[in-house]
């Protein structure tokens, strides 16, 4: 317990399982490869209908630009 307390008080990550360590490493690798970005929560919750509507709007816009 003293190790955990010391790590937490210093803001040092404290991982106690192999699975947790593997997940942390996987996340760090992914961030290194693809970078880190932030996007609004609405982008995560878009329904397929919303995406279809946006796609159609984008196609209409592109079509109007070429005519």
N, C-alpha and C. Protein backbone atom coordinates (compact mmCIF):
# COMPACT_ATOMS: atom_id res chain seq x y z
N UNK A 1 0.80 -1.21 0.00
CA UNK A 1 0.00 0.00 0.00
C UNK A 1 0.85 1.28 0.00
N UNK A 2 1.99 1.32 0.67
CA UNK A 2 2.81 2.54 0.63
C UNK A 2 3.25 2.91 -0.79
N UNK A 3 3.51 1.92 -1.64
CA UNK A 3 3.92 2.22 -3.02
C UNK A 3 2.78 2.91 -3.76
N UNK A 4 1.56 2.37 -3.60
CA UNK A 4 0.40 2.98 -4.25
C UNK A 4 0.20 4.41 -3.78
N UNK A 5 0.24 4.63 -2.49
CA UNK A 5 0.07 5.97 -1.93
C UNK A 5 1.11 6.94 -2.46
N UNK A 6 2.35 6.50 -2.51
CA UNK A 6 3.43 7.36 -3.01
C UNK A 6 3.22 7.68 -4.49
N UNK A 7 2.83 6.69 -5.28
CA UNK A 7 2.59 6.92 -6.71
C UNK A 7 1.45 7.90 -6.91
N UNK A 8 0.35 7.69 -6.22
CA UNK A 8 -0.81 8.57 -6.36
C UNK A 8 -0.47 9.99 -5.92
N UNK A 9 0.22 10.13 -4.82
CA UNK A 9 0.54 11.47 -4.32
C UNK A 9 1.49 12.22 -5.26
N UNK A 10 2.28 11.50 -6.04
CA UNK A 10 3.21 12.13 -6.98
C UNK A 10 2.64 12.23 -8.39
N UNK A 11 1.42 11.72 -8.60
CA UNK A 11 0.81 11.77 -9.93
C UNK A 11 1.42 10.78 -10.90
N UNK A 12 1.96 9.70 -10.38
CA UNK A 12 2.59 8.67 -11.20
C UNK A 12 1.59 7.55 -11.44
N UNK A 13 1.40 7.14 -12.70
CA UNK A 13 0.47 6.04 -12.97
C UNK A 13 0.85 4.79 -12.18
N UNK A 14 -0.14 4.11 -11.67
CA UNK A 14 0.07 2.91 -10.87
C UNK A 14 -0.78 1.81 -11.45
N UNK A 15 -0.16 0.83 -12.07
CA UNK A 15 -0.87 -0.26 -12.75
C UNK A 15 -0.56 -1.55 -12.01
N UNK A 16 -1.62 -2.29 -11.68
CA UNK A 16 -1.43 -3.47 -10.84
C UNK A 16 -1.65 -4.80 -11.55
N UNK A 17 -2.10 -4.74 -12.82
CA UNK A 17 -2.34 -6.00 -13.53
C UNK A 17 -1.63 -5.99 -14.87
N UNK A 18 -1.34 -7.16 -15.38
CA UNK A 18 -0.72 -7.29 -16.69
C UNK A 18 -1.64 -6.73 -17.77
N UNK A 19 -2.94 -7.03 -17.64
CA UNK A 19 -3.90 -6.53 -18.62
C UNK A 19 -3.94 -5.00 -18.63
N UNK A 20 -3.88 -4.41 -17.45
CA UNK A 20 -3.86 -2.95 -17.34
C UNK A 20 -2.62 -2.36 -17.98
N UNK A 21 -1.48 -2.99 -17.76
CA UNK A 21 -0.23 -2.52 -18.35
C UNK A 21 -0.27 -2.64 -19.87
N UNK A 22 -0.81 -3.75 -20.37
CA UNK A 22 -0.93 -3.93 -21.82
C UNK A 22 -1.86 -2.89 -22.42
N UNK A 23 -2.97 -2.59 -21.75
CA UNK A 23 -3.90 -1.57 -22.24
C UNK A 23 -3.23 -0.20 -22.26
N UNK A 24 -2.47 0.12 -21.23
CA UNK A 24 -1.77 1.41 -21.18
C UNK A 24 -0.76 1.53 -22.32
N UNK A 25 0.00 0.48 -22.54
CA UNK A 25 0.99 0.48 -23.62
C UNK A 25 0.31 0.60 -24.98
N UNK A 26 -0.78 -0.13 -25.16
CA UNK A 26 -1.53 -0.06 -26.41
C UNK A 26 -2.02 1.36 -26.66
N UNK A 27 -2.54 2.01 -25.64
CA UNK A 27 -3.00 3.39 -25.78
C UNK A 27 -1.88 4.34 -26.12
N UNK A 28 -0.73 4.17 -25.48
CA UNK A 28 0.42 5.04 -25.77
C UNK A 28 0.92 4.82 -27.19
N UNK A 29 0.96 3.56 -27.64
CA UNK A 29 1.38 3.27 -29.01
C UNK A 29 0.43 3.91 -30.01
N UNK A 30 -0.86 3.79 -29.76
CA UNK A 30 -1.86 4.35 -30.66
C UNK A 30 -1.74 5.87 -30.74
N UNK A 31 -1.55 6.50 -29.60
CA UNK A 31 -1.39 7.96 -29.57
C UNK A 31 -0.14 8.38 -30.32
N UNK A 32 0.92 7.61 -30.19
CA UNK A 32 2.17 7.93 -30.89
C UNK A 32 1.99 7.81 -32.40
N UNK A 33 1.26 6.79 -32.84
CA UNK A 33 1.06 6.56 -34.27
C UNK A 33 0.09 7.56 -34.89
N UNK A 34 -1.03 7.79 -34.25
CA UNK A 34 -2.10 8.58 -34.87
C UNK A 34 -2.28 9.96 -34.28
N UNK A 35 -1.58 10.26 -33.22
CA UNK A 35 -1.75 11.55 -32.59
C UNK A 35 -2.95 11.56 -31.66
N UNK A 36 -3.18 12.69 -31.07
CA UNK A 36 -4.27 12.84 -30.11
C UNK A 36 -5.17 13.94 -30.62
N UNK A 37 -6.45 13.68 -30.66
CA UNK A 37 -7.38 14.70 -31.10
C UNK A 37 -8.61 14.70 -30.21
N UNK A 38 -9.28 15.81 -30.25
CA UNK A 38 -10.51 15.97 -29.47
C UNK A 38 -11.62 16.30 -30.44
N UNK A 39 -12.78 15.71 -30.24
CA UNK A 39 -13.93 16.05 -31.06
C UNK A 39 -15.18 16.08 -30.20
N UNK A 40 -16.19 16.81 -30.66
CA UNK A 40 -17.41 16.93 -29.86
C UNK A 40 -18.09 15.57 -29.67
N UNK A 41 -18.77 15.42 -28.57
CA UNK A 41 -19.45 14.15 -28.27
C UNK A 41 -20.51 13.84 -29.33
N UNK A 42 -21.06 14.86 -29.96
CA UNK A 42 -22.07 14.65 -30.99
C UNK A 42 -21.53 13.80 -32.13
N UNK A 43 -20.24 13.91 -32.43
CA UNK A 43 -19.66 13.11 -33.50
C UNK A 43 -19.64 11.64 -33.15
N UNK A 44 -19.60 11.32 -31.88
CA UNK A 44 -19.63 9.92 -31.47
C UNK A 44 -21.04 9.36 -31.50
N UNK A 45 -22.03 10.22 -31.35
CA UNK A 45 -23.40 9.74 -31.23
C UNK A 45 -24.22 9.92 -32.49
N UNK A 46 -23.60 10.35 -33.58
CA UNK A 46 -24.34 10.50 -34.83
C UNK A 46 -24.96 9.17 -35.23
N UNK A 47 -26.21 9.23 -35.64
CA UNK A 47 -26.87 8.02 -36.13
C UNK A 47 -26.52 7.84 -37.60
N UNK A 48 -26.77 6.68 -38.11
CA UNK A 48 -26.49 6.44 -39.53
C UNK A 48 -27.36 7.35 -40.39
N UNK A 49 -28.57 7.66 -39.91
CA UNK A 49 -29.45 8.56 -40.66
C UNK A 49 -28.83 9.95 -40.75
N UNK A 50 -28.27 10.43 -39.67
CA UNK A 50 -27.62 11.73 -39.66
C UNK A 50 -26.42 11.73 -40.60
N UNK A 51 -25.65 10.66 -40.57
CA UNK A 51 -24.49 10.55 -41.45
C UNK A 51 -24.92 10.51 -42.91
N UNK A 52 -26.00 9.78 -43.20
CA UNK A 52 -26.51 9.70 -44.57
C UNK A 52 -26.96 11.07 -45.05
N UNK A 53 -27.67 11.80 -44.19
CA UNK A 53 -28.14 13.13 -44.54
C UNK A 53 -26.95 14.06 -44.79
N UNK A 54 -25.94 14.01 -43.95
CA UNK A 54 -24.75 14.84 -44.13
C UNK A 54 -24.03 14.47 -45.42
N UNK A 55 -23.91 13.17 -45.70
CA UNK A 55 -23.26 12.71 -46.92
C UNK A 55 -24.00 13.23 -48.15
N UNK A 56 -25.34 13.13 -48.13
CA UNK A 56 -26.14 13.61 -49.26
C UNK A 56 -25.95 15.11 -49.43
N UNK A 57 -25.94 15.85 -48.33
CA UNK A 57 -25.73 17.30 -48.40
C UNK A 57 -24.36 17.60 -49.02
N UNK A 58 -23.33 16.89 -48.60
CA UNK A 58 -21.99 17.09 -49.15
C UNK A 58 -21.95 16.79 -50.64
N UNK A 59 -22.64 15.71 -51.05
CA UNK A 59 -22.68 15.38 -52.48
C UNK A 59 -23.41 16.45 -53.27
N UNK A 60 -24.54 16.94 -52.74
CA UNK A 60 -25.28 18.00 -53.41
C UNK A 60 -24.41 19.25 -53.55
N UNK A 61 -23.68 19.58 -52.50
CA UNK A 61 -22.81 20.75 -52.52
C UNK A 61 -21.72 20.59 -53.58
N UNK A 62 -21.08 19.44 -53.62
CA UNK A 62 -20.04 19.20 -54.63
C UNK A 62 -20.62 19.25 -56.04
N UNK A 63 -21.80 18.67 -56.20
CA UNK A 63 -22.44 18.65 -57.51
C UNK A 63 -22.74 20.08 -57.97
N UNK A 64 -23.22 20.92 -57.04
CA UNK A 64 -23.55 22.30 -57.41
C UNK A 64 -22.29 23.09 -57.75
N UNK A 65 -21.16 22.73 -57.18
CA UNK A 65 -19.92 23.43 -57.47
C UNK A 65 -19.42 23.13 -58.88
N UNK A 66 -19.75 21.96 -59.41
CA UNK A 66 -19.27 21.56 -60.72
C UNK A 66 -20.25 21.89 -61.83
N UNK A 67 -21.42 22.37 -61.50
CA UNK A 67 -22.42 22.72 -62.54
C UNK A 67 -22.66 24.20 -62.62
